[in-house]
Every structure is written in C-alpha cells, then in structure tokens.
Amino acid sequence: MNRRLRRWPREALRLLVIAAAVFVALLPLLWVVLASFKPAADVSQLPPRLIFSPTLGNYRTVLDAGFAAFFRNSVGITLAAVALSVGLGVPAAYGFSRLRVPAARVLLLFVLSIRFVPYIVFAVPLFVIMVRLQLVGTHVGLIVVYLLINLPLVVWLMKSFFDDIPTDIDDAAAVDGANRLQSFLYVVLPSAAAGVACVTILSFIFTWNEYLLALVLSGRAAQTLPVVLTRFLGGMEDPVRWGLLSASSVAVLAPVVAATLLVHRYVRAGFGGNAT
C-alpha cells in the first residue's frame, strides 16, 4: 500500500505529461475542424472564438469548386498504387526472406536506396520520362511513380516480418503436401497479416499525402487533393482563405483517419505492440 502511495505522484506526473502532449498534438487539428465550420469573419479572430454560429458554407464552396472530381482522382490513384505496391512487394519480400536470391543483400540495398534520395531529385528525370511516354497528366503516370516510391518500403518491412516467422511452418506445410505458393498463401501470409496491414496503411498515407511529384506530374486531369489545397493559400495580394482551406483539409484528413482507425490494432502489432 505504501509503495502504491509513493508511486502515485510519479504516475500522476506521467499522466499529466502525456495529456499535455496529446493536447498540444491535437490542438492544430481541433483548430482546423472548428475553422471549417466558421464564417469567414470569425476564422481569423484572435484569440479564436469557441462559441460561434456554425455553417456549412465552406464545404459547399469547396464542393462547387470541383472538389469531388479531385477527391475521386486521389482515391483512384491511391487505391491502385497501394494495391500494386502490396501485391508486388509482399511476394518479393517473401522471396528475399525464404529463397536463395543471388546478391540478395546488394539488391535490397539498391531497393532501399530509392527511399534515401529526396523526391525532388527524381522530379525532373521522371517528368522527362513521363513526357516521352505521354503519361504526364494521367492517372497511370502517377500510379507508376507511387508504385516505385512505395515498393521499397513494402519489401523491406515485409521481409522483416517474414524473417520473424519460423521456417518450421513452411516445412510442416511441405510435409502436408503444399507447394511453395500454397505455403505462402495459406500458411505464411496469414501469419504476417499484421505486417500486411501495417505496410498497406503506410503506403496509403504516403501516397494520399504526396505533394511534390503530384504537382509536377498530375496536370489538370489527374490533379490530387494535396495539390488542390494550395488553391486556397492565396497569393501576393490575395489573403489566405482559411475557412475553405480548413474545410478541404478536413476532407483530406478524414479518409486517412478512418483507414488508420480501421486497422489500428494491426498497425500496433506491426510496430511491436499488442493487437488487442
């Protein structure tokens, strides 16, 4: 009992620090959400008003500006890029983990080196290549680019997951008559479900939020939401339209938050937590 009493101030301080950190982290998000429902006259007031008459005018204006079409662009490009990245990267990672691949270490380092280089280095060469292939301003062009970006992440993370799975289950499946493909699909892959969920949500977030390459390669027809957000930032003489920027930001954030909440237990397990 005395030990619990002595530990109580330490635990209370720990909870207080955690609560303060969470509040500081969520404060900008709370401001954006509230600003998206405020009239233009109330958004820029300092200190911010917590009591105001909410309006959906910002969301209506954003929708009237063609936001839905750009939202469809982002959804289609992101889902296709993530599906291809996971569909190609997971079997590749399994091959690196279970098979004898010549110069496997060199190949893995080469794959990982793509993630080391800043994206801006790839922007001009990719633009030249995409122009010659007539893929600038197309969904296919962005999907291919995001596939190249996400594939190294998927391969490296999934290889570590497969390495942690004992090879005994492969041997047991082989004894039962399963070939290599059946062992991968029905035995090893279900055991790595947390890893698949982890790389899927990470690929989704990276693709959904990517701005630089989308700005260079998307054109008008395939423009994605991060590029569209800059329309509300104003210019040299025009002020920032905070209400419209906040409303569109909420619409961009919502799918990421929803997807993360749906698979959060697997993501926690993927990073070493408990999937409960």
C-alpha atoms as a PDB file:
ATOM      1  CA  MET A   1       0.000   0.000   0.000  1.00  0.00           C
ATOM      2  CA  ASN A   2       2.803   2.393   0.960  1.00  0.00           C
ATOM      3  CA  ARG A   3       4.603   1.536  -2.263  1.00  0.00           C
ATOM      4  CA  ARG A   4       1.492   2.442  -4.261  1.00  0.00           C
ATOM      5  CA  LEU A   5       1.203   5.758  -2.421  1.00  0.00           C
ATOM      6  CA  ARG A   6       4.842   6.561  -3.153  1.00  0.00           C
ATOM      7  CA  ARG A   7       4.348   5.743  -6.835  1.00  0.00           C
ATOM      8  CA  TRP A   8       1.161   7.805  -7.161  1.00  0.00           C
ATOM      9  CA  PRO A   9       2.821  11.250  -7.625  1.00  0.00           C
ATOM     10  CA  ARG A  10       5.114   9.798 -10.292  1.00  0.00           C
ATOM     11  CA  GLU A  11       2.220   8.182 -12.153  1.00  0.00           C
ATOM     12  CA  ALA A  12       0.140  11.367 -11.874  1.00  0.00           C
ATOM     13  CA  LEU A  13       3.004  13.421 -13.312  1.00  0.00           C
ATOM     14  CA  ARG A  14       3.420  10.898 -16.106  1.00  0.00           C
ATOM     15  CA  LEU A  15      -0.278  11.061 -16.997  1.00  0.00           C
ATOM     16  CA  LEU A  16      -0.194  14.842 -16.867  1.00  0.00           C
ATOM     17  CA  VAL A  17       2.739  14.985 -19.270  1.00  0.00           C
ATOM     18  CA  ILE A  18       1.025  12.549 -21.637  1.00  0.00           C
ATOM     19  CA  ALA A  19      -2.226  14.531 -21.521  1.00  0.00           C
ATOM     20  CA  ALA A  20      -0.354  17.767 -22.217  1.00  0.00           C
ATOM     21  CA  ALA A  21       1.490  16.194 -25.165  1.00  0.00           C
ATOM     22  CA  VAL A  22      -1.759  14.840 -26.628  1.00  0.00           C
ATOM     23  CA  PHE A  23      -3.447  18.221 -26.214  1.00  0.00           C
ATOM     24  CA  VAL A  24      -0.593  20.044 -27.957  1.00  0.00           C
ATOM     25  CA  ALA A  25      -0.607  17.482 -30.780  1.00  0.00           C
ATOM     26  CA  LEU A  26      -4.376  17.663 -31.299  1.00  0.00           C
ATOM     27  CA  LEU A  27      -4.754  21.424 -30.893  1.00  0.00           C
ATOM     28  CA  PRO A  28      -3.948  22.271 -34.560  1.00  0.00           C
ATOM     29  CA  LEU A  29      -6.364  19.593 -35.737  1.00  0.00           C
ATOM     30  CA  LEU A  30      -9.084  20.938 -33.448  1.00  0.00           C
ATOM     31  CA  TRP A  31      -8.471  24.449 -34.783  1.00  0.00           C
ATOM     32  CA  VAL A  32      -8.777  23.244 -38.388  1.00  0.00           C
ATOM     33  CA  VAL A  33     -12.022  21.376 -37.694  1.00  0.00           C
ATOM     34  CA  LEU A  34     -13.579  24.372 -35.931  1.00  0.00           C
ATOM     35  CA  ALA A  35     -12.368  26.787 -38.612  1.00  0.00           C
ATOM     36  CA  SER A  36     -14.004  24.690 -41.314  1.00  0.00           C
ATOM     37  CA  PHE A  37     -17.408  25.458 -39.779  1.00  0.00           C
ATOM     38  CA  LYS A  38     -16.787  29.161 -39.095  1.00  0.00           C
ATOM     39  CA  PRO A  39     -17.872  32.084 -41.278  1.00  0.00           C
ATOM     40  CA  ALA A  40     -15.021  33.958 -42.927  1.00  0.00           C
ATOM     41  CA  ALA A  41     -15.293  36.850 -40.450  1.00  0.00           C
ATOM     42  CA  ASP A  42     -14.763  34.553 -37.442  1.00  0.00           C
ATOM     43  CA  VAL A  43     -11.895  32.401 -38.726  1.00  0.00           C
ATOM     44  CA  SER A  44      -9.093  34.961 -38.408  1.00  0.00           C
ATOM     45  CA  GLN A  45     -10.105  36.335 -35.000  1.00  0.00           C
ATOM     46  CA  LEU A  46      -7.510  36.146 -32.219  1.00  0.00           C
ATOM     47  CA  PRO A  47      -7.966  34.634 -29.750  1.00  0.00           C
ATOM     48  CA  PRO A  48     -10.137  32.092 -31.588  1.00  0.00           C
ATOM     49  CA  ARG A  49     -13.812  32.125 -30.680  1.00  0.00           C
ATOM     50  CA  LEU A  50     -15.064  28.810 -29.335  1.00  0.00           C
ATOM     51  CA  ILE A  51     -18.700  29.937 -29.444  1.00  0.00           C
ATOM     52  CA  PHE A  52     -19.922  30.787 -32.933  1.00  0.00           C
ATOM     53  CA  SER A  53     -22.732  30.026 -35.351  1.00  0.00           C
ATOM     54  CA  PRO A  54     -21.555  27.005 -37.374  1.00  0.00           C
ATOM     55  CA  THR A  55     -22.081  26.991 -41.109  1.00  0.00           C
ATOM     56  CA  LEU A  56     -21.578  24.527 -43.952  1.00  0.00           C
ATOM     57  CA  GLY A  57     -20.854  27.327 -46.391  1.00  0.00           C
ATOM     58  CA  ASN A  58     -17.148  26.486 -46.602  1.00  0.00           C
ATOM     59  CA  TYR A  59     -17.893  22.883 -47.540  1.00  0.00           C
ATOM     60  CA  ARG A  60     -20.468  23.968 -50.156  1.00  0.00           C
ATOM     61  CA  THR A  61     -17.967  26.357 -51.737  1.00  0.00           C
ATOM     62  CA  VAL A  62     -15.294  23.660 -51.841  1.00  0.00           C
ATOM     63  CA  LEU A  63     -17.689  21.198 -53.469  1.00  0.00           C
ATOM     64  CA  ASP A  64     -18.775  23.795 -56.014  1.00  0.00           C
ATOM     65  CA  ALA A  65     -15.102  24.296 -56.934  1.00  0.00           C
ATOM     66  CA  GLY A  66     -14.935  20.741 -58.286  1.00  0.00           C
ATOM     67  CA  PHE A  67     -13.529  19.153 -55.138  1.00  0.00           C
ATOM     68  CA  ALA A  68     -15.407  15.897 -55.730  1.00  0.00           C
ATOM     69  CA  ALA A  69     -13.575  15.246 -59.010  1.00  0.00           C
ATOM     70  CA  PHE A  70     -10.187  15.763 -57.386  1.00  0.00           C
ATOM     71  CA  PHE A  71     -11.270  13.553 -54.495  1.00  0.00           C
ATOM     72  CA  ARG A  72     -12.048  10.766 -56.978  1.00  0.00           C
ATOM     73  CA  ASN A  73      -8.624  11.277 -58.548  1.00  0.00           C
ATOM     74  CA  SER A  74      -6.897  10.836 -55.198  1.00  0.00           C
ATOM     75  CA  VAL A  75      -8.987   7.807 -54.249  1.00  0.00           C
ATOM     76  CA  GLY A  76      -8.440   6.033 -57.569  1.00  0.00           C
ATOM     77  CA  ILE A  77      -4.717   6.757 -57.777  1.00  0.00           C
ATOM     78  CA  THR A  78      -4.092   5.881 -54.132  1.00  0.00           C
ATOM     79  CA  LEU A  79      -6.025   2.614 -54.139  1.00  0.00           C
ATOM     80  CA  ALA A  80      -4.404   1.446 -57.386  1.00  0.00           C
ATOM     81  CA  ALA A  81      -0.896   2.383 -56.250  1.00  0.00           C
ATOM     82  CA  VAL A  82      -1.333   0.739 -52.841  1.00  0.00           C
ATOM     83  CA  ALA A  83      -2.829  -2.431 -54.332  1.00  0.00           C
ATOM     84  CA  LEU A  84       0.048  -2.779 -56.803  1.00  0.00           C
ATOM     85  CA  SER A  85       2.677  -1.953 -54.176  1.00  0.00           C
ATOM     86  CA  VAL A  86       1.382  -4.521 -51.707  1.00  0.00           C
ATOM     87  CA  GLY A  87       0.558  -7.076 -54.400  1.00  0.00           C
ATOM     88  CA  LEU A  88       4.081  -6.958 -55.832  1.00  0.00           C
ATOM     89  CA  GLY A  89       6.060  -6.098 -52.712  1.00  0.00           C
ATOM     90  CA  VAL A  90       4.751  -8.797 -50.386  1.00  0.00           C
ATOM     91  CA  PRO A  91       5.669 -11.754 -52.676  1.00  0.00           C
ATOM     92  CA  ALA A  92       9.035 -10.103 -53.390  1.00  0.00           C
ATOM     93  CA  ALA A  93       9.708  -9.771 -49.669  1.00  0.00           C
ATOM     94  CA  TYR A  94       8.756 -13.418 -49.163  1.00  0.00           C
ATOM     95  CA  GLY A  95      11.213 -14.413 -51.888  1.00  0.00           C
ATOM     96  CA  PHE A  96      14.032 -12.423 -50.270  1.00  0.00           C
ATOM     97  CA  SER A  97      13.206 -13.961 -46.896  1.00  0.00           C
ATOM     98  CA  ARG A  98      12.732 -17.605 -47.846  1.00  0.00           C
ATOM     99  CA  LEU A  99      14.572 -18.184 -51.131  1.00  0.00           C
ATOM    100  CA  ARG A 100      18.237 -18.059 -52.051  1.00  0.00           C
ATOM    101  CA  VAL A 101      18.371 -14.933 -54.185  1.00  0.00           C
ATOM    102  CA  PRO A 102      21.737 -14.176 -55.827  1.00  0.00           C
ATOM    103  CA  ALA A 103      23.226 -10.932 -54.491  1.00  0.00           C
ATOM    104  CA  ALA A 104      20.182 -10.501 -52.249  1.00  0.00           C
ATOM    105  CA  ARG A 105      21.901  -8.009 -49.937  1.00  0.00           C
ATOM    106  CA  VAL A 106      23.025  -5.819 -52.854  1.00  0.00           C
ATOM    107  CA  LEU A 107      19.538  -5.878 -54.371  1.00  0.00           C
ATOM    108  CA  LEU A 108      17.913  -4.961 -51.059  1.00  0.00           C
ATOM    109  CA  LEU A 109      20.305  -2.078 -50.518  1.00  0.00           C
ATOM    110  CA  PHE A 110      19.618  -0.872 -54.058  1.00  0.00           C
ATOM    111  CA  VAL A 111      15.868  -1.032 -53.445  1.00  0.00           C
ATOM    112  CA  LEU A 112      16.205   0.805 -50.136  1.00  0.00           C
ATOM    113  CA  SER A 113      18.439   3.490 -51.679  1.00  0.00           C
ATOM    114  CA  ILE A 114      15.410   4.751 -53.622  1.00  0.00           C
ATOM    115  CA  ARG A 115      13.870   5.811 -50.299  1.00  0.00           C
ATOM    116  CA  PHE A 116      17.061   7.567 -49.203  1.00  0.00           C
ATOM    117  CA  VAL A 117      17.063  10.033 -52.095  1.00  0.00           C
ATOM    118  CA  PRO A 118      14.840  13.147 -51.734  1.00  0.00           C
ATOM    119  CA  TYR A 119      11.892  13.079 -54.122  1.00  0.00           C
ATOM    120  CA  ILE A 120      12.855  16.391 -55.664  1.00  0.00           C
ATOM    121  CA  VAL A 121      15.900  14.663 -57.205  1.00  0.00           C
ATOM    122  CA  PHE A 122      13.543  12.368 -59.143  1.00  0.00           C
ATOM    123  CA  ALA A 123      11.118  15.103 -60.185  1.00  0.00           C
ATOM    124  CA  VAL A 124      12.850  16.364 -63.352  1.00  0.00           C
ATOM    125  CA  PRO A 125      14.016  12.945 -64.678  1.00  0.00           C
ATOM    126  CA  LEU A 126      10.565  11.480 -64.044  1.00  0.00           C
ATOM    127  CA  PHE A 127       8.926  14.407 -65.792  1.00  0.00           C
ATOM    128  CA  VAL A 128      11.138  13.913 -68.867  1.00  0.00           C
ATOM    129  CA  ILE A 129      10.417  10.172 -68.927  1.00  0.00           C
ATOM    130  CA  MET A 130       6.687  10.679 -68.453  1.00  0.00           C
ATOM    131  CA  VAL A 131       6.585  13.296 -71.220  1.00  0.00           C
ATOM    132  CA  ARG A 132       8.183  10.864 -73.657  1.00  0.00           C
ATOM    133  CA  LEU A 133       5.781   8.132 -72.586  1.00  0.00           C
ATOM    134  CA  GLN A 134       2.877  10.599 -72.812  1.00  0.00           C
ATOM    135  CA  LEU A 135       1.900   9.872 -69.228  1.00  0.00           C
ATOM    136  CA  VAL A 136       2.069  13.395 -67.777  1.00  0.00           C
ATOM    137  CA  GLY A 137      -1.342  14.437 -66.523  1.00  0.00           C
ATOM    138  CA  THR A 138      -2.633  10.859 -66.432  1.00  0.00           C
ATOM    139  CA  HIS A 139      -3.671   8.578 -63.602  1.00  0.00           C
ATOM    140  CA  VAL A 140      -1.410   5.807 -64.904  1.00  0.00           C
ATOM    141  CA  GLY A 141       1.661   8.026 -64.721  1.00  0.00           C
ATOM    142  CA  LEU A 142       1.100   8.886 -61.053  1.00  0.00           C
ATOM    143  CA  ILE A 143       0.252   5.287 -60.186  1.00  0.00           C
ATOM    144  CA  VAL A 144       3.545   4.080 -61.678  1.00  0.00           C
ATOM    145  CA  VAL A 145       5.506   6.754 -59.817  1.00  0.00           C
ATOM    146  CA  TYR A 146       3.867   5.969 -56.483  1.00  0.00           C
ATOM    147  CA  LEU A 147       4.451   2.279 -57.091  1.00  0.00           C
ATOM    148  CA  LEU A 148       8.180   2.977 -57.420  1.00  0.00           C
ATOM    149  CA  ILE A 149       8.120   5.004 -54.195  1.00  0.00           C
ATOM    150  CA  ASN A 150       6.122   2.548 -52.072  1.00  0.00           C
ATOM    151  CA  LEU A 151       7.648  -0.704 -53.291  1.00  0.00           C
ATOM    152  CA  PRO A 152      10.954  -0.363 -51.353  1.00  0.00           C
ATOM    153  CA  LEU A 153       9.065   0.336 -48.131  1.00  0.00           C
ATOM    154  CA  VAL A 154       6.798  -2.684 -48.607  1.00  0.00           C
ATOM    155  CA  VAL A 155       9.678  -5.021 -49.484  1.00  0.00           C
ATOM    156  CA  TRP A 156      11.879  -4.036 -46.566  1.00  0.00           C
ATOM    157  CA  LEU A 157       9.180  -4.020 -43.900  1.00  0.00           C
ATOM    158  CA  MET A 158       7.559  -7.240 -45.057  1.00  0.00           C
ATOM    159  CA  LYS A 159      10.915  -9.016 -45.279  1.00  0.00           C
ATOM    160  CA  SER A 160      11.453  -8.289 -41.590  1.00  0.00           C
ATOM    161  CA  PHE A 161       8.004  -9.720 -40.811  1.00  0.00           C
ATOM    162  CA  PHE A 162       8.659 -12.878 -42.816  1.00  0.00           C
ATOM    163  CA  ASP A 163      12.081 -13.276 -41.186  1.00  0.00           C
ATOM    164  CA  ASP A 164      10.368 -13.345 -37.774  1.00  0.00           C
ATOM    165  CA  ILE A 165       8.077 -16.196 -38.835  1.00  0.00           C
ATOM    166  CA  PRO A 166       9.734 -19.583 -38.152  1.00  0.00           C
ATOM    167  CA  THR A 167      10.581 -21.623 -41.213  1.00  0.00           C
ATOM    168  CA  ASP A 168       9.183 -24.672 -39.414  1.00  0.00           C
ATOM    169  CA  ILE A 169       5.698 -23.794 -40.602  1.00  0.00           C
ATOM    170  CA  ASP A 170       6.933 -23.893 -44.212  1.00  0.00           C
ATOM    171  CA  ASP A 171       8.393 -27.332 -43.563  1.00  0.00           C
ATOM    172  CA  ALA A 172       5.165 -28.507 -41.925  1.00  0.00           C
ATOM    173  CA  ALA A 173       3.145 -27.272 -44.901  1.00  0.00           C
ATOM    174  CA  ALA A 174       5.523 -29.072 -47.286  1.00  0.00           C
ATOM    175  CA  VAL A 175       5.082 -32.300 -45.311  1.00  0.00           C
ATOM    176  CA  ASP A 176       1.319 -31.913 -45.723  1.00  0.00           C
ATOM    177  CA  GLY A 177       1.796 -31.701 -49.485  1.00  0.00           C
ATOM    178  CA  ALA A 178       1.663 -27.933 -50.018  1.00  0.00           C
ATOM    179  CA  ASN A 179       3.884 -26.407 -52.679  1.00  0.00           C
ATOM    180  CA  ARG A 180       5.756 -23.132 -52.206  1.00  0.00           C
ATOM    181  CA  LEU A 181       2.879 -20.972 -53.468  1.00  0.00           C
ATOM    182  CA  GLN A 182       0.304 -22.734 -51.304  1.00  0.00           C
ATOM    183  CA  SER A 183       2.590 -22.459 -48.287  1.00  0.00           C
ATOM    184  CA  PHE A 184       2.937 -18.726 -48.909  1.00  0.00           C
ATOM    185  CA  LEU A 185      -0.773 -18.054 -49.463  1.00  0.00           C
ATOM    186  CA  TYR A 186      -2.329 -20.272 -46.816  1.00  0.00           C
ATOM    187  CA  VAL A 187       0.302 -20.566 -44.080  1.00  0.00           C
ATOM    188  CA  VAL A 188       2.886 -17.781 -44.061  1.00  0.00           C
ATOM    189  CA  LEU A 189       0.790 -14.869 -45.324  1.00  0.00           C
ATOM    190  CA  PRO A 190      -1.966 -15.235 -42.681  1.00  0.00           C
ATOM    191  CA  SER A 191       0.752 -15.262 -40.024  1.00  0.00           C
ATOM    192  CA  ALA A 192       2.027 -11.950 -41.392  1.00  0.00           C
ATOM    193  CA  ALA A 193      -1.406 -10.271 -41.528  1.00  0.00           C
ATOM    194  CA  ALA A 194      -0.305  -7.564 -39.086  1.00  0.00           C
ATOM    195  CA  GLY A 195       2.632  -6.730 -41.337  1.00  0.00           C
ATOM    196  CA  VAL A 196       0.461  -6.563 -44.445  1.00  0.00           C
ATOM    197  CA  ALA A 197      -1.952  -4.208 -42.683  1.00  0.00           C
ATOM    198  CA  CYS A 198       0.970  -2.090 -41.492  1.00  0.00           C
ATOM    199  CA  VAL A 199       2.575  -1.643 -44.922  1.00  0.00           C
ATOM    200  CA  THR A 200      -0.836  -1.089 -46.512  1.00  0.00           C
ATOM    201  CA  ILE A 201      -1.759   1.812 -44.248  1.00  0.00           C
ATOM    202  CA  LEU A 202       1.734   3.337 -44.510  1.00  0.00           C
ATOM    203  CA  SER A 203       1.629   3.120 -48.311  1.00  0.00           C
ATOM    204  CA  PHE A 204      -1.851   4.638 -48.258  1.00  0.00           C
ATOM    205  CA  ILE A 205      -0.721   7.580 -46.115  1.00  0.00           C
ATOM    206  CA  PHE A 206       2.413   8.269 -48.170  1.00  0.00           C
ATOM    207  CA  THR A 207       0.510   8.131 -51.453  1.00  0.00           C
ATOM    208  CA  TRP A 208      -2.501  10.107 -50.262  1.00  0.00           C
ATOM    209  CA  ASN A 209      -0.393  12.920 -48.805  1.00  0.00           C
ATOM    210  CA  GLU A 210       2.308  13.143 -51.510  1.00  0.00           C
ATOM    211  CA  TYR A 211       2.524  16.646 -52.976  1.00  0.00           C
ATOM    212  CA  LEU A 212       5.728  17.346 -54.895  1.00  0.00           C
ATOM    213  CA  LEU A 213       5.531  14.665 -57.590  1.00  0.00           C
ATOM    214  CA  ALA A 214       1.778  15.177 -57.940  1.00  0.00           C
ATOM    215  CA  LEU A 215       2.398  18.884 -58.523  1.00  0.00           C
ATOM    216  CA  VAL A 216       4.915  18.130 -61.280  1.00  0.00           C
ATOM    217  CA  LEU A 217       3.210  15.177 -62.986  1.00  0.00           C
ATOM    218  CA  SER A 218      -0.535  15.388 -62.411  1.00  0.00           C
ATOM    219  CA  GLY A 219      -1.530  18.211 -64.743  1.00  0.00           C
ATOM    220  CA  ARG A 220      -5.183  19.224 -64.581  1.00  0.00           C
ATOM    221  CA  ALA A 221      -6.910  15.927 -65.368  1.00  0.00           C
ATOM    222  CA  ALA A 222      -5.189  13.840 -62.669  1.00  0.00           C
ATOM    223  CA  GLN A 223      -4.706  16.528 -60.011  1.00  0.00           C
ATOM    224  CA  THR A 224      -4.828  15.168 -56.467  1.00  0.00           C
ATOM    225  CA  LEU A 225      -6.075  16.733 -53.256  1.00  0.00           C
ATOM    226  CA  PRO A 226      -2.721  17.915 -51.770  1.00  0.00           C
ATOM    227  CA  VAL A 227      -2.167  19.974 -54.932  1.00  0.00           C
ATOM    228  CA  VAL A 228      -5.725  21.336 -54.856  1.00  0.00           C
ATOM    229  CA  LEU A 229      -5.274  22.586 -51.291  1.00  0.00           C
ATOM    230  CA  THR A 230      -2.774  25.184 -52.473  1.00  0.00           C
ATOM    231  CA  ARG A 231      -5.559  26.969 -54.370  1.00  0.00           C
ATOM    232  CA  PHE A 232      -6.842  28.377 -51.099  1.00  0.00           C
ATOM    233  CA  LEU A 233      -3.471  29.686 -49.887  1.00  0.00           C
ATOM    234  CA  GLY A 234      -3.877  32.983 -51.709  1.00  0.00           C
ATOM    235  CA  GLY A 235      -1.037  34.844 -53.379  1.00  0.00           C
ATOM    236  CA  MET A 236       0.990  38.028 -53.183  1.00  0.00           C
ATOM    237  CA  GLU A 237      -2.130  40.176 -52.894  1.00  0.00           C
ATOM    238  CA  ASP A 238      -4.894  37.684 -52.088  1.00  0.00           C
ATOM    239  CA  PRO A 239      -5.335  36.635 -48.448  1.00  0.00           C
ATOM    240  CA  VAL A 240      -5.399  33.024 -47.328  1.00  0.00           C
ATOM    241  CA  ARG A 241      -8.959  31.713 -47.360  1.00  0.00           C
ATOM    242  CA  TRP A 242      -8.745  29.922 -44.040  1.00  0.00           C
ATOM    243  CA  GLY A 243     -12.314  28.651 -43.992  1.00  0.00           C
ATOM    244  CA  LEU A 244     -12.062  26.990 -47.409  1.00  0.00           C
ATOM    245  CA  LEU A 245      -8.559  25.702 -46.670  1.00  0.00           C
ATOM    246  CA  SER A 246      -9.756  24.186 -43.386  1.00  0.00           C
ATOM    247  CA  ALA A 247     -12.830  22.562 -44.959  1.00  0.00           C
ATOM    248  CA  SER A 248     -10.776  20.958 -47.721  1.00  0.00           C
ATOM    249  CA  SER A 249      -8.120  19.890 -45.194  1.00  0.00           C
ATOM    250  CA  VAL A 250     -10.751  18.101 -43.117  1.00  0.00           C
ATOM    251  CA  ALA A 251     -11.940  16.281 -46.242  1.00  0.00           C
ATOM    252  CA  VAL A 252      -8.356  15.238 -46.987  1.00  0.00           C
ATOM    253  CA  LEU A 253      -7.684  14.094 -43.428  1.00  0.00           C
ATOM    254  CA  ALA A 254     -10.912  12.126 -42.966  1.00  0.00           C
ATOM    255  CA  PRO A 255     -10.028   9.084 -45.156  1.00  0.00           C
ATOM    256  CA  VAL A 256      -6.577   8.754 -43.560  1.00  0.00           C
ATOM    257  CA  VAL A 257      -8.001   8.896 -40.041  1.00  0.00           C
ATOM    258  CA  ALA A 258     -10.773   6.432 -40.926  1.00  0.00           C
ATOM    259  CA  ALA A 259      -8.360   3.964 -42.540  1.00  0.00           C
ATOM    260  CA  THR A 260      -5.967   4.173 -39.589  1.00  0.00           C
ATOM    261  CA  LEU A 261      -8.744   3.560 -37.075  1.00  0.00           C
ATOM    262  CA  LEU A 262      -9.975   0.539 -39.028  1.00  0.00           C
ATOM    263  CA  VAL A 263      -6.618  -1.229 -38.920  1.00  0.00           C
ATOM    264  CA  HIS A 264      -5.026   0.368 -35.857  1.00  0.00           C
ATOM    265  CA  ARG A 265      -4.822  -2.939 -33.968  1.00  0.00           C
ATOM    266  CA  TYR A 266      -2.809  -4.482 -36.802  1.00  0.00           C
ATOM    267  CA  VAL A 267      -0.628  -1.398 -37.135  1.00  0.00           C
ATOM    268  CA  ARG A 268       0.161  -1.564 -33.407  1.00  0.00           C
ATOM    269  CA  ALA A 269       1.061  -5.210 -33.774  1.00  0.00           C
ATOM    270  CA  GLY A 270       3.196  -4.351 -36.791  1.00  0.00           C
ATOM    271  CA  PHE A 271       5.232  -1.898 -34.723  1.00  0.00           C
ATOM    272  CA  GLY A 272       5.654  -4.328 -31.847  1.00  0.00           C
ATOM    273  CA  GLY A 273       2.523  -3.622 -29.826  1.00  0.00           C
ATOM    274  CA  ASN A 274      -0.341  -5.919 -28.893  1.00  0.00           C
ATOM    275  CA  ALA A 275      -3.117  -6.382 -31.415  1.00  0.00           C
ATOM    276  CA  THR A 276      -5.914  -6.067 -28.924  1.00  0.00           C
END
